[in-house]
Amino acid sequence: MDAADRIVEEFNRLVALGRESIRGCSLQEQFVYYVVTVRCEIDMNGFADVFVQCLDPTEVGIFLVALDTLEERPLADEFRRAFECIRREGFYDHGDWNRLSPWS
């Protein structure tokens, strides 16, 4: 079994556990779950939906640690920048993209 097949197998196992159970899994298992979930969400619905539908603020934090651990620092920095901007603007209080100010 190659690495991609192993990740698919592990991700499918985690999905079968249910989203609420993921937080009780090991950090490595959470990394697999959140990294693959985010990649799928971006492919299906775009970058913004990662913050709207895909991950709550706690999960975004775990995802950022996963990217840092995987030494994907530039990618982590971009996600971190977007997350901080929308959090600072109160997005998680109102959930309305139209109420956010333009990003620099």
N, C-alpha and C. Protein backbone atom coordinates (compact mmCIF):
# COMPACT_ATOMS: atom_id res chain seq x y z
N MET A 1 0.85 -1.17 0.00
CA MET A 1 0.00 0.00 0.00
C MET A 1 0.89 1.24 0.00
N ASP A 2 0.62 2.16 -0.93
CA ASP A 2 1.43 3.38 -0.97
C ASP A 2 0.89 4.41 0.02
N ALA A 3 1.63 5.51 0.17
CA ALA A 3 1.28 6.52 1.17
C ALA A 3 -0.10 7.13 0.93
N ALA A 4 -0.43 7.40 -0.32
CA ALA A 4 -1.74 8.00 -0.62
C ALA A 4 -2.87 7.06 -0.23
N ASP A 5 -2.71 5.78 -0.53
CA ASP A 5 -3.73 4.80 -0.15
C ASP A 5 -3.86 4.70 1.37
N ARG A 6 -2.76 4.79 2.05
CA ARG A 6 -2.78 4.74 3.52
C ARG A 6 -3.53 5.93 4.10
N ILE A 7 -3.30 7.12 3.54
CA ILE A 7 -4.01 8.32 4.00
C ILE A 7 -5.51 8.18 3.72
N VAL A 8 -5.87 7.71 2.54
CA VAL A 8 -7.28 7.50 2.21
C VAL A 8 -7.92 6.53 3.19
N GLU A 9 -7.25 5.45 3.47
CA GLU A 9 -7.77 4.46 4.41
C GLU A 9 -7.96 5.07 5.80
N GLU A 10 -6.96 5.80 6.26
CA GLU A 10 -7.04 6.43 7.58
C GLU A 10 -8.13 7.49 7.63
N PHE A 11 -8.22 8.31 6.59
CA PHE A 11 -9.25 9.34 6.54
C PHE A 11 -10.65 8.71 6.56
N ASN A 12 -10.85 7.69 5.78
CA ASN A 12 -12.16 7.01 5.77
C ASN A 12 -12.50 6.43 7.14
N ARG A 13 -11.51 5.90 7.83
CA ARG A 13 -11.74 5.38 9.18
C ARG A 13 -12.15 6.51 10.12
N LEU A 14 -11.49 7.64 10.02
CA LEU A 14 -11.81 8.78 10.88
C LEU A 14 -13.19 9.35 10.57
N VAL A 15 -13.53 9.45 9.30
CA VAL A 15 -14.86 9.93 8.92
C VAL A 15 -15.94 9.02 9.50
N ALA A 16 -15.69 7.72 9.47
CA ALA A 16 -16.66 6.77 10.01
C ALA A 16 -16.88 6.95 11.51
N LEU A 17 -15.88 7.47 12.21
CA LEU A 17 -16.03 7.72 13.65
C LEU A 17 -17.03 8.85 13.92
N GLY A 18 -17.15 9.77 13.00
CA GLY A 18 -18.03 10.92 13.18
C GLY A 18 -17.23 12.13 13.63
N ARG A 19 -17.68 13.27 13.18
CA ARG A 19 -16.94 14.52 13.42
C ARG A 19 -16.72 14.80 14.90
N GLU A 20 -17.70 14.57 15.73
CA GLU A 20 -17.57 14.85 17.16
C GLU A 20 -16.50 13.98 17.81
N SER A 21 -16.29 12.80 17.29
CA SER A 21 -15.30 11.89 17.86
C SER A 21 -13.87 12.27 17.51
N ILE A 22 -13.69 13.07 16.49
CA ILE A 22 -12.34 13.42 16.03
C ILE A 22 -11.54 14.12 17.13
N ARG A 23 -12.20 14.97 17.91
CA ARG A 23 -11.49 15.69 18.97
C ARG A 23 -10.92 14.77 20.03
N GLY A 24 -11.43 13.57 20.13
CA GLY A 24 -10.91 12.60 21.09
C GLY A 24 -9.80 11.72 20.52
N CYS A 25 -9.50 11.91 19.26
CA CYS A 25 -8.45 11.12 18.61
C CYS A 25 -7.08 11.73 18.91
N SER A 26 -6.04 10.99 18.58
CA SER A 26 -4.69 11.49 18.77
C SER A 26 -4.47 12.72 17.89
N LEU A 27 -3.48 13.51 18.24
CA LEU A 27 -3.18 14.70 17.46
C LEU A 27 -2.82 14.33 16.02
N GLN A 28 -2.10 13.26 15.83
CA GLN A 28 -1.72 12.83 14.48
C GLN A 28 -2.97 12.46 13.67
N GLU A 29 -3.92 11.79 14.30
CA GLU A 29 -5.15 11.45 13.60
C GLU A 29 -5.94 12.71 13.25
N GLN A 30 -5.97 13.66 14.18
CA GLN A 30 -6.65 14.93 13.89
C GLN A 30 -5.97 15.65 12.73
N PHE A 31 -4.65 15.60 12.68
CA PHE A 31 -3.93 16.23 11.57
C PHE A 31 -4.39 15.64 10.24
N VAL A 32 -4.43 14.32 10.15
CA VAL A 32 -4.87 13.67 8.91
C VAL A 32 -6.28 14.13 8.57
N TYR A 33 -7.16 14.08 9.55
CA TYR A 33 -8.56 14.43 9.31
C TYR A 33 -8.70 15.87 8.82
N TYR A 34 -8.09 16.83 9.54
CA TYR A 34 -8.28 18.23 9.19
C TYR A 34 -7.57 18.62 7.90
N VAL A 35 -6.39 18.11 7.65
CA VAL A 35 -5.68 18.45 6.42
C VAL A 35 -6.44 17.93 5.20
N VAL A 36 -6.89 16.69 5.26
CA VAL A 36 -7.63 16.13 4.12
C VAL A 36 -8.98 16.82 3.97
N THR A 37 -9.65 17.08 5.08
CA THR A 37 -10.94 17.76 5.03
C THR A 37 -10.82 19.14 4.39
N VAL A 38 -9.81 19.90 4.81
CA VAL A 38 -9.61 21.24 4.25
C VAL A 38 -9.30 21.16 2.76
N ARG A 39 -8.45 20.25 2.38
CA ARG A 39 -8.11 20.10 0.96
C ARG A 39 -9.36 19.78 0.14
N CYS A 40 -10.19 18.89 0.63
CA CYS A 40 -11.42 18.54 -0.08
C CYS A 40 -12.37 19.74 -0.15
N GLU A 41 -12.51 20.46 0.96
CA GLU A 41 -13.40 21.61 0.99
C GLU A 41 -12.96 22.68 -0.01
N ILE A 42 -11.67 22.95 -0.07
CA ILE A 42 -11.16 23.93 -1.02
C ILE A 42 -11.42 23.47 -2.45
N ASP A 43 -11.18 22.19 -2.72
CA ASP A 43 -11.41 21.67 -4.07
C ASP A 43 -12.89 21.75 -4.46
N MET A 44 -13.78 21.51 -3.51
CA MET A 44 -15.22 21.49 -3.82
C MET A 44 -15.85 22.87 -3.80
N ASN A 45 -15.50 23.69 -2.81
CA ASN A 45 -16.25 24.92 -2.58
C ASN A 45 -15.41 26.19 -2.48
N GLY A 46 -14.11 26.07 -2.46
CA GLY A 46 -13.25 27.24 -2.39
C GLY A 46 -12.72 27.51 -0.99
N PHE A 47 -11.76 28.41 -0.97
CA PHE A 47 -11.02 28.74 0.25
C PHE A 47 -11.91 29.28 1.37
N ALA A 48 -12.84 30.17 1.04
CA ALA A 48 -13.66 30.82 2.06
C ALA A 48 -14.48 29.81 2.87
N ASP A 49 -14.94 28.76 2.22
CA ASP A 49 -15.78 27.79 2.93
C ASP A 49 -15.04 27.02 4.02
N VAL A 50 -13.72 27.06 3.99
CA VAL A 50 -12.96 26.43 5.09
C VAL A 50 -13.37 27.09 6.40
N PHE A 51 -13.57 28.39 6.38
CA PHE A 51 -13.89 29.14 7.59
C PHE A 51 -15.40 29.21 7.86
N VAL A 52 -16.22 28.95 6.83
CA VAL A 52 -17.67 29.06 6.98
C VAL A 52 -18.28 27.72 7.35
N GLN A 53 -17.98 26.69 6.58
CA GLN A 53 -18.64 25.40 6.73
C GLN A 53 -17.75 24.29 7.29
N CYS A 54 -16.50 24.38 6.98
CA CYS A 54 -15.61 23.23 7.20
C CYS A 54 -15.11 23.13 8.64
N LEU A 55 -14.52 24.20 9.15
CA LEU A 55 -13.88 24.14 10.47
C LEU A 55 -14.40 25.25 11.38
N ASP A 56 -14.57 24.92 12.65
CA ASP A 56 -14.86 25.96 13.62
C ASP A 56 -13.52 26.55 14.09
N PRO A 57 -13.53 27.63 14.85
CA PRO A 57 -12.26 28.27 15.23
C PRO A 57 -11.28 27.33 15.95
N THR A 58 -11.76 26.45 16.79
CA THR A 58 -10.87 25.50 17.47
C THR A 58 -10.22 24.56 16.46
N GLU A 59 -11.00 24.09 15.51
CA GLU A 59 -10.48 23.19 14.48
C GLU A 59 -9.48 23.90 13.57
N VAL A 60 -9.73 25.17 13.28
CA VAL A 60 -8.75 25.94 12.49
C VAL A 60 -7.41 25.95 13.22
N GLY A 61 -7.44 26.14 14.53
CA GLY A 61 -6.21 26.12 15.31
C GLY A 61 -5.46 24.81 15.19
N ILE A 62 -6.17 23.71 15.25
CA ILE A 62 -5.54 22.38 15.10
C ILE A 62 -4.98 22.23 13.70
N PHE A 63 -5.73 22.68 12.71
CA PHE A 63 -5.27 22.62 11.33
C PHE A 63 -3.98 23.43 11.14
N LEU A 64 -3.90 24.60 11.76
CA LEU A 64 -2.69 25.41 11.65
C LEU A 64 -1.49 24.73 12.30
N VAL A 65 -1.70 24.08 13.44
CA VAL A 65 -0.62 23.32 14.08
C VAL A 65 -0.19 22.18 13.16
N ALA A 66 -1.15 21.54 12.52
CA ALA A 66 -0.82 20.45 11.58
C ALA A 66 0.07 20.96 10.45
N LEU A 67 -0.30 22.10 9.86
CA LEU A 67 0.52 22.66 8.78
C LEU A 67 1.91 23.02 9.27
N ASP A 68 1.99 23.61 10.46
CA ASP A 68 3.31 23.94 11.02
C ASP A 68 4.14 22.68 11.24
N THR A 69 3.51 21.65 11.77
CA THR A 69 4.20 20.38 12.05
C THR A 69 4.70 19.74 10.76
N LEU A 70 3.90 19.87 9.70
CA LEU A 70 4.27 19.32 8.39
C LEU A 70 5.26 20.22 7.65
N GLU A 71 5.69 21.29 8.33
CA GLU A 71 6.63 22.25 7.77
C GLU A 71 6.10 22.92 6.50
N GLU A 72 4.81 23.18 6.52
CA GLU A 72 4.14 23.92 5.44
C GLU A 72 3.91 25.34 5.92
N ARG A 73 4.99 25.99 6.33
CA ARG A 73 4.90 27.30 6.97
C ARG A 73 4.28 28.39 6.09
N PRO A 74 4.66 28.52 4.81
CA PRO A 74 4.03 29.57 4.00
C PRO A 74 2.51 29.37 3.90
N LEU A 75 2.08 28.14 3.72
CA LEU A 75 0.65 27.85 3.65
C LEU A 75 -0.01 28.13 5.00
N ALA A 76 0.63 27.69 6.07
CA ALA A 76 0.10 27.95 7.41
C ALA A 76 -0.01 29.45 7.66
N ASP A 77 0.99 30.20 7.23
CA ASP A 77 0.97 31.65 7.43
C ASP A 77 -0.20 32.31 6.70
N GLU A 78 -0.50 31.85 5.50
CA GLU A 78 -1.63 32.41 4.75
C GLU A 78 -2.96 32.08 5.41
N PHE A 79 -3.12 30.83 5.83
CA PHE A 79 -4.35 30.46 6.55
C PHE A 79 -4.45 31.24 7.86
N ARG A 80 -3.34 31.38 8.55
CA ARG A 80 -3.33 32.10 9.83
C ARG A 80 -3.71 33.57 9.61
N ARG A 81 -3.17 34.16 8.57
CA ARG A 81 -3.49 35.56 8.25
C ARG A 81 -4.99 35.72 7.98
N ALA A 82 -5.55 34.85 7.16
CA ALA A 82 -6.98 34.92 6.86
C ALA A 82 -7.81 34.70 8.11
N PHE A 83 -7.43 33.72 8.90
CA PHE A 83 -8.16 33.40 10.13
C PHE A 83 -8.14 34.58 11.10
N GLU A 84 -6.99 35.18 11.27
CA GLU A 84 -6.88 36.32 12.19
C GLU A 84 -7.70 37.51 11.69
N CYS A 85 -7.70 37.74 10.38
CA CYS A 85 -8.48 38.84 9.82
C CYS A 85 -9.97 38.65 10.08
N ILE A 86 -10.49 37.48 9.76
CA ILE A 86 -11.93 37.29 9.94
C ILE A 86 -12.31 37.22 11.42
N ARG A 87 -11.43 36.70 12.23
CA ARG A 87 -11.71 36.67 13.68
C ARG A 87 -11.71 38.08 14.25
N ARG A 88 -10.74 38.87 13.87
CA ARG A 88 -10.64 40.25 14.33
C ARG A 88 -11.87 41.06 13.92
N GLU A 89 -12.41 40.76 12.75
CA GLU A 89 -13.59 41.46 12.23
C GLU A 89 -14.89 40.93 12.84
N GLY A 90 -14.82 39.91 13.69
CA GLY A 90 -16.01 39.37 14.34
C GLY A 90 -16.82 38.43 13.48
N PHE A 91 -16.20 37.86 12.45
CA PHE A 91 -16.92 36.98 11.54
C PHE A 91 -17.64 35.85 12.27
N TYR A 92 -17.01 35.27 13.27
CA TYR A 92 -17.62 34.12 13.94
C TYR A 92 -18.80 34.52 14.81
N ASP A 93 -18.98 35.82 15.03
CA ASP A 93 -20.16 36.29 15.76
C ASP A 93 -21.36 36.47 14.83
N HIS A 94 -21.10 36.87 13.57
CA HIS A 94 -22.20 37.16 12.66
C HIS A 94 -22.23 36.28 11.41
N GLY A 95 -21.11 35.70 11.00
CA GLY A 95 -21.07 34.79 9.85
C GLY A 95 -21.39 35.42 8.51
N ASP A 96 -21.23 36.73 8.39
CA ASP A 96 -21.59 37.44 7.17
C ASP A 96 -20.34 38.01 6.50
N TRP A 97 -19.95 37.43 5.37
CA TRP A 97 -18.77 37.90 4.63
C TRP A 97 -18.91 39.36 4.23
N ASN A 98 -20.14 39.81 3.97
CA ASN A 98 -20.36 41.18 3.51
C ASN A 98 -20.07 42.22 4.59
N ARG A 99 -19.98 41.81 5.83
CA ARG A 99 -19.70 42.75 6.91
C ARG A 99 -18.20 42.89 7.19
N LEU A 100 -17.37 42.16 6.44
CA LEU A 100 -15.92 42.25 6.63
C LEU A 100 -15.37 43.41 5.81
N SER A 101 -14.38 44.08 6.36
CA SER A 101 -13.73 45.15 5.61
C SER A 101 -12.77 44.54 4.59
N PRO A 102 -12.42 45.29 3.55
CA PRO A 102 -11.48 44.78 2.53
C PRO A 102 -10.14 44.41 3.17
N TRP A 103 -9.53 43.32 2.68
CA TRP A 103 -8.24 42.86 3.18
C TRP A 103 -7.14 43.54 2.42
N SER A 104 -6.06 43.80 3.11
CA SER A 104 -4.92 44.41 2.41
C SER A 104 -4.06 43.32 1.81
